[in-house]
PDB file of N, CA and C in Angstrom:
ATOM      1  N   UNK A   1     153.583 139.454 122.503  1.00  0.00           N
ATOM      2  CA  UNK A   1     153.125 140.177 123.672  1.00  0.00           C
ATOM      3  C   UNK A   1     153.506 139.393 124.926  1.00  0.00           C
ATOM      4  N   UNK A   2     153.813 140.107 125.972  1.00  0.00           N
ATOM      5  CA  UNK A   2     154.182 139.475 127.234  1.00  0.00           C
ATOM      6  C   UNK A   2     152.905 138.984 127.922  1.00  0.00           C
ATOM      7  N   UNK A   3     152.951 137.791 128.475  1.00  0.00           N
ATOM      8  CA  UNK A   3     151.760 137.245 129.108  1.00  0.00           C
ATOM      9  C   UNK A   3     151.625 137.747 130.549  1.00  0.00           C
ATOM     10  N   UNK A   4     150.457 137.531 131.108  1.00  0.00           N
ATOM     11  CA  UNK A   4     150.113 138.019 132.439  1.00  0.00           C
ATOM     12  C   UNK A   4     151.050 137.476 133.505  1.00  0.00           C
ATOM     13  N   UNK A   5     151.370 136.203 133.427  1.00  0.00           N
ATOM     14  CA  UNK A   5     152.206 135.571 134.445  1.00  0.00           C
ATOM     15  C   UNK A   5     153.620 136.178 134.462  1.00  0.00           C
ATOM     16  N   UNK A   6     154.159 136.456 133.305  1.00  0.00           N
ATOM     17  CA  UNK A   6     155.498 137.043 133.235  1.00  0.00           C
ATOM     18  C   UNK A   6     155.505 138.458 133.823  1.00  0.00           C
ATOM     19  N   UNK A   7     154.443 139.209 133.577  1.00  0.00           N
ATOM     20  CA  UNK A   7     154.347 140.556 134.143  1.00  0.00           C
ATOM     21  C   UNK A   7     154.278 140.477 135.666  1.00  0.00           C
ATOM     22  N   UNK A   8     153.447 139.558 136.189  1.00  0.00           N
ATOM     23  CA  UNK A   8     153.322 139.402 137.640  1.00  0.00           C
ATOM     24  C   UNK A   8     154.658 139.022 138.266  1.00  0.00           C
ATOM     25  N   UNK A   9     155.368 138.077 137.656  1.00  0.00           N
ATOM     26  CA  UNK A   9     156.656 137.646 138.199  1.00  0.00           C
ATOM     27  C   UNK A   9     157.674 138.790 138.195  1.00  0.00           C
ATOM     28  N   UNK A  10     157.653 139.603 137.161  1.00  0.00           N
ATOM     29  CA  UNK A  10     158.563 140.746 137.092  1.00  0.00           C
ATOM     30  C   UNK A  10     158.269 141.738 138.208  1.00  0.00           C
ATOM     31  N   UNK A  11     156.985 142.030 138.438  1.00  0.00           N
ATOM     32  CA  UNK A  11     156.619 142.956 139.509  1.00  0.00           C
ATOM     33  C   UNK A  11     156.994 142.401 140.877  1.00  0.00           C
ATOM     34  N   UNK A  12     156.840 141.090 141.071  1.00  0.00           N
ATOM     35  CA  UNK A  12     157.231 140.479 142.341  1.00  0.00           C
ATOM     36  C   UNK A  12     158.738 140.561 142.551  1.00  0.00           C
ATOM     37  N   UNK A  13     159.517 140.354 141.508  1.00  0.00           N
ATOM     38  CA  UNK A  13     160.968 140.467 141.623  1.00  0.00           C
ATOM     39  C   UNK A  13     161.392 141.891 141.959  1.00  0.00           C
ATOM     40  N   UNK A  14     160.741 142.861 141.351  1.00  0.00           N
ATOM     41  CA  UNK A  14     161.048 144.267 141.652  1.00  0.00           C
ATOM     42  C   UNK A  14     160.720 144.568 143.109  1.00  0.00           C
ATOM     43  N   UNK A  15     159.578 144.070 143.589  1.00  0.00           N
ATOM     44  CA  UNK A  15     159.198 144.296 144.985  1.00  0.00           C
ATOM     45  C   UNK A  15     160.207 143.647 145.937  1.00  0.00           C
ATOM     46  N   UNK A  16     160.657 142.458 145.619  1.00  0.00           N
ATOM     47  CA  UNK A  16     161.663 141.786 146.460  1.00  0.00           C
ATOM     48  C   UNK A  16     162.969 142.577 146.482  1.00  0.00           C
ATOM     49  N   UNK A  17     163.386 143.087 145.333  1.00  0.00           N
ATOM     50  CA  UNK A  17     164.629 143.859 145.260  1.00  0.00           C
ATOM     51  C   UNK A  17     164.535 145.153 146.067  1.00  0.00           C
ATOM     52  N   UNK A  18     163.313 145.709 146.152  1.00  0.00           N
ATOM     53  CA  UNK A  18     163.107 146.929 146.932  1.00  0.00           C
ATOM     54  C   UNK A  18     162.928 146.636 148.414  1.00  0.00           C
ATOM     55  N   UNK A  19     162.913 145.357 148.783  1.00  0.00           N
ATOM     56  CA  UNK A  19     162.810 144.982 150.186  1.00  0.00           C
ATOM     57  C   UNK A  19     161.404 145.043 150.749  1.00  0.00           C
ATOM     58  N   UNK A  20     160.408 144.995 149.902  1.00  0.00           N
ATOM     59  CA  UNK A  20     159.025 145.047 150.379  1.00  0.00           C
ATOM     60  C   UNK A  20     158.585 143.677 150.877  1.00  0.00           C
ATOM     61  N   UNK A  21     157.698 143.695 151.847  1.00  0.00           N
ATOM     62  CA  UNK A  21     157.141 142.465 152.387  1.00  0.00           C
ATOM     63  C   UNK A  21     156.084 141.934 151.414  1.00  0.00           C
ATOM     64  N   UNK A  22     156.217 140.672 151.014  1.00  0.00           N
ATOM     65  CA  UNK A  22     155.279 140.088 150.056  1.00  0.00           C
ATOM     66  C   UNK A  22     154.301 139.183 150.799  1.00  0.00           C
ATOM     67  N   UNK A  23     153.270 139.795 151.366  1.00  0.00           N
ATOM     68  CA  UNK A  23     152.241 139.012 152.039  1.00  0.00           C
ATOM     69  C   UNK A  23     151.101 138.731 151.067  1.00  0.00           C
ATOM     70  N   UNK A  24     150.077 138.081 151.547  1.00  0.00           N
ATOM     71  CA  UNK A  24     148.962 137.709 150.656  1.00  0.00           C
ATOM     72  C   UNK A  24     148.254 138.911 150.061  1.00  0.00           C
ATOM     73  N   UNK A  25     148.137 139.968 150.846  1.00  0.00           N
ATOM     74  CA  UNK A  25     147.458 141.166 150.343  1.00  0.00           C
ATOM     75  C   UNK A  25     148.243 141.792 149.190  1.00  0.00           C
ATOM     76  N   UNK A  26     149.566 141.844 149.307  1.00  0.00           N
ATOM     77  CA  UNK A  26     150.400 142.401 148.247  1.00  0.00           C
ATOM     78  C   UNK A  26     150.306 141.553 146.978  1.00  0.00           C
ATOM     79  N   UNK A  27     150.355 140.242 147.140  1.00  0.00           N
ATOM     80  CA  UNK A  27     150.231 139.351 145.982  1.00  0.00           C
ATOM     81  C   UNK A  27     148.875 139.535 145.299  1.00  0.00           C
ATOM     82  N   UNK A  28     147.819 139.658 146.114  1.00  0.00           N
ATOM     83  CA  UNK A  28     146.474 139.868 145.567  1.00  0.00           C
ATOM     84  C   UNK A  28     146.407 141.204 144.811  1.00  0.00           C
ATOM     85  N   UNK A  29     146.991 142.236 145.390  1.00  0.00           N
ATOM     86  CA  UNK A  29     146.968 143.560 144.753  1.00  0.00           C
ATOM     87  C   UNK A  29     147.711 143.535 143.423  1.00  0.00           C
ATOM     88  N   UNK A  30     148.837 142.842 143.370  1.00  0.00           N
ATOM     89  CA  UNK A  30     149.600 142.750 142.120  1.00  0.00           C
ATOM     90  C   UNK A  30     148.805 141.981 141.069  1.00  0.00           C
ATOM     91  N   UNK A  31     148.224 140.835 141.466  1.00  0.00           N
ATOM     92  CA  UNK A  31     147.448 140.032 140.510  1.00  0.00           C
ATOM     93  C   UNK A  31     146.272 140.805 139.947  1.00  0.00           C
ATOM     94  N   UNK A  32     145.507 141.460 140.820  1.00  0.00           N
ATOM     95  CA  UNK A  32     144.327 142.185 140.342  1.00  0.00           C
ATOM     96  C   UNK A  32     144.719 143.421 139.537  1.00  0.00           C
ATOM     97  N   UNK A  33     145.789 144.086 139.928  1.00  0.00           N
ATOM     98  CA  UNK A  33     146.239 145.265 139.181  1.00  0.00           C
ATOM     99  C   UNK A  33     146.668 144.917 137.771  1.00  0.00           C
ATOM    100  N   UNK A  34     147.410 143.827 137.634  1.00  0.00           N
ATOM    101  CA  UNK A  34     147.853 143.390 136.304  1.00  0.00           C
ATOM    102  C   UNK A  34     146.649 142.963 135.470  1.00  0.00           C
ATOM    103  N   UNK A  35     145.722 142.234 136.075  1.00  0.00           N
ATOM    104  CA  UNK A  35     144.536 141.778 135.343  1.00  0.00           C
ATOM    105  C   UNK A  35     143.698 142.969 134.866  1.00  0.00           C
ATOM    106  N   UNK A  36     143.518 143.969 135.729  1.00  0.00           N
ATOM    107  CA  UNK A  36     142.738 145.142 135.342  1.00  0.00           C
ATOM    108  C   UNK A  36     143.424 145.927 134.231  1.00  0.00           C
ATOM    109  N   UNK A  37     144.734 146.052 134.311  1.00  0.00           N
ATOM    110  CA  UNK A  37     145.460 146.787 133.271  1.00  0.00           C
ATOM    111  C   UNK A  37     145.357 146.078 131.923  1.00  0.00           C
ATOM    112  N   UNK A  38     145.474 144.751 131.933  1.00  0.00           N
ATOM    113  CA  UNK A  38     145.365 144.010 130.668  1.00  0.00           C
ATOM    114  C   UNK A  38     143.948 144.054 130.104  1.00  0.00           C
ATOM    115  N   UNK A  39     142.944 144.029 130.987  1.00  0.00           N
ATOM    116  CA  UNK A  39     141.563 144.145 130.513  1.00  0.00           C
ATOM    117  C   UNK A  39     141.306 145.519 129.911  1.00  0.00           C
ATOM    118  N   UNK A  40     141.830 146.552 130.552  1.00  0.00           N
ATOM    119  CA  UNK A  40     141.671 147.910 130.019  1.00  0.00           C
ATOM    120  C   UNK A  40     142.367 148.034 128.663  1.00  0.00           C
ATOM    121  N   UNK A  41     143.513 147.419 128.530  1.00  0.00           N
ATOM    122  CA  UNK A  41     144.235 147.435 127.259  1.00  0.00           C
ATOM    123  C   UNK A  41     143.414 146.749 126.167  1.00  0.00           C
ATOM    124  N   UNK A  42     142.796 145.624 126.500  1.00  0.00           N
ATOM    125  CA  UNK A  42     141.966 144.896 125.537  1.00  0.00           C
ATOM    126  C   UNK A  42     140.736 145.712 125.136  1.00  0.00           C
ATOM    127  N   UNK A  43     140.081 146.363 126.117  1.00  0.00           N
ATOM    128  CA  UNK A  43     138.921 147.212 125.803  1.00  0.00           C
ATOM    129  C   UNK A  43     139.324 148.373 124.895  1.00  0.00           C
ATOM    130  N   UNK A  44     140.455 148.964 125.180  1.00  0.00           N
ATOM    131  CA  UNK A  44     140.931 150.074 124.345  1.00  0.00           C
ATOM    132  C   UNK A  44     141.199 149.592 122.916  1.00  0.00           C
ATOM    133  N   UNK A  45     141.815 148.430 122.795  1.00  0.00           N
ATOM    134  CA  UNK A  45     142.099 147.872 121.471  1.00  0.00           C
ATOM    135  C   UNK A  45     140.802 147.607 120.702  1.00  0.00           C
ATOM    136  N   UNK A  46     139.783 147.099 121.394  1.00  0.00           N
ATOM    137  CA  UNK A  46     138.497 146.857 120.734  1.00  0.00           C
ATOM    138  C   UNK A  46     137.865 148.161 120.270  1.00  0.00           C
ATOM    139  N   UNK A  47     137.950 149.204 121.113  1.00  0.00           N
ATOM    140  CA  UNK A  47     137.379 150.493 120.725  1.00  0.00           C
ATOM    141  C   UNK A  47     138.094 151.076 119.511  1.00  0.00           C
ATOM    142  N   UNK A  48     139.401 150.941 119.490  1.00  0.00           N
ATOM    143  CA  UNK A  48     140.168 151.521 118.395  1.00  0.00           C
ATOM    144  C   UNK A  48     139.982 150.756 117.085  1.00  0.00           C
ATOM    145  N   UNK A  49     139.687 149.462 117.165  1.00  0.00           N
ATOM    146  CA  UNK A  49     139.547 148.676 115.941  1.00  0.00           C
ATOM    147  C   UNK A  49     138.096 148.558 115.472  1.00  0.00           C
ATOM    148  N   UNK A  50     137.142 149.037 116.249  1.00  0.00           N
ATOM    149  CA  UNK A  50     135.749 148.942 115.837  1.00  0.00           C
ATOM    150  C   UNK A  50     135.451 150.013 114.786  1.00  0.00           C
ATOM    151  N   UNK A  51     134.456 149.761 113.947  1.00  0.00           N
ATOM    152  CA  UNK A  51     134.122 150.764 112.919  1.00  0.00           C
ATOM    153  C   UNK A  51     133.523 152.019 113.570  1.00  0.00           C
ATOM    154  N   UNK A  52     133.644 153.137 112.883  1.00  0.00           N
ATOM    155  CA  UNK A  52     133.094 154.389 113.385  1.00  0.00           C
ATOM    156  C   UNK A  52     131.580 154.297 113.483  1.00  0.00           C
ATOM    157  N   UNK A  53     131.028 154.939 114.508  1.00  0.00           N
ATOM    158  CA  UNK A  53     129.580 154.958 114.683  1.00  0.00           C
ATOM    159  C   UNK A  53     128.978 155.893 113.652  1.00  0.00           C
ATOM    160  N   UNK A  54     127.969 155.414 112.962  1.00  0.00           N
ATOM    161  CA  UNK A  54     127.290 156.234 111.955  1.00  0.00           C
ATOM    162  C   UNK A  54     125.874 156.508 112.444  1.00  0.00           C
ATOM    163  N   UNK A  55     125.619 157.774 112.770  1.00  0.00           N
ATOM    164  CA  UNK A  55     124.300 158.143 113.242  1.00  0.00           C
ATOM    165  C   UNK A  55     123.354 158.237 112.063  1.00  0.00           C
ATOM    166  N   UNK A  56     122.160 157.672 112.222  1.00  0.00           N
ATOM    167  CA  UNK A  56     121.149 157.713 111.162  1.00  0.00           C
ATOM    168  C   UNK A  56     119.925 158.432 111.695  1.00  0.00           C
ATOM    169  N   UNK A  57     119.398 159.309 110.857  1.00  0.00           N
ATOM    170  CA  UNK A  57     118.223 160.063 111.249  1.00  0.00           C
ATOM    171  C   UNK A  57     117.046 159.111 111.401  1.00  0.00           C
ATOM    172  N   UNK A  58     116.255 159.348 112.410  1.00  0.00           N
ATOM    173  CA  UNK A  58     115.118 158.493 112.708  1.00  0.00           C
ATOM    174  C   UNK A  58     114.053 158.610 111.619  1.00  0.00           C
ATOM    175  N   UNK A  59     113.478 157.484 111.232  1.00  0.00           N
ATOM    176  CA  UNK A  59     112.425 157.474 110.218  1.00  0.00           C
ATOM    177  C   UNK A  59     111.125 157.901 110.900  1.00  0.00           C
ATOM    178  N   UNK A  60     110.419 158.886 110.333  1.00  0.00           N
ATOM    179  CA  UNK A  60     109.165 159.324 110.975  1.00  0.00           C
ATOM    180  C   UNK A  60     108.123 158.199 110.942  1.00  0.00           C
ATOM    181  N   UNK A  61     107.275 158.180 111.969  1.00  0.00           N
ATOM    182  CA  UNK A  61     106.212 157.192 112.038  1.00  0.00           C
ATOM    183  C   UNK A  61     105.165 157.471 110.953  1.00  0.00           C
ATOM    184  N   UNK A  62     104.545 156.400 110.458  1.00  0.00           N
ATOM    185  CA  UNK A  62     103.501 156.577 109.450  1.00  0.00           C
ATOM    186  C   UNK A  62     102.259 157.170 110.105  1.00  0.00           C
ATOM    187  N   UNK A  63     101.580 158.022 109.384  1.00  0.00           N
ATOM    188  CA  UNK A  63     100.293 158.547 109.836  1.00  0.00           C
ATOM    189  C   UNK A  63      99.213 157.851 109.035  1.00  0.00           C
ATOM    190  N   UNK A  64      98.482 156.957 109.692  1.00  0.00           N
ATOM    191  CA  UNK A  64      97.423 156.266 108.931  1.00  0.00           C
ATOM    192  C   UNK A  64      96.115 156.338 109.637  1.00  0.00           C
TER     193      UNK A  64
END
């Protein structure tokens, strides 16, 4: 799997090739966007690999 730093560097190179200004706000937006995308990917992977939810009928309370 490609690591976070390599993805960020690739996006920065693409931005430079397109002639975009790389100020601090742009760098921050790229870093946070990549981090959020990777976190979402990890959450999705956890959901897909977790066991299916099995609903169980509630046990009635004892009457004593």
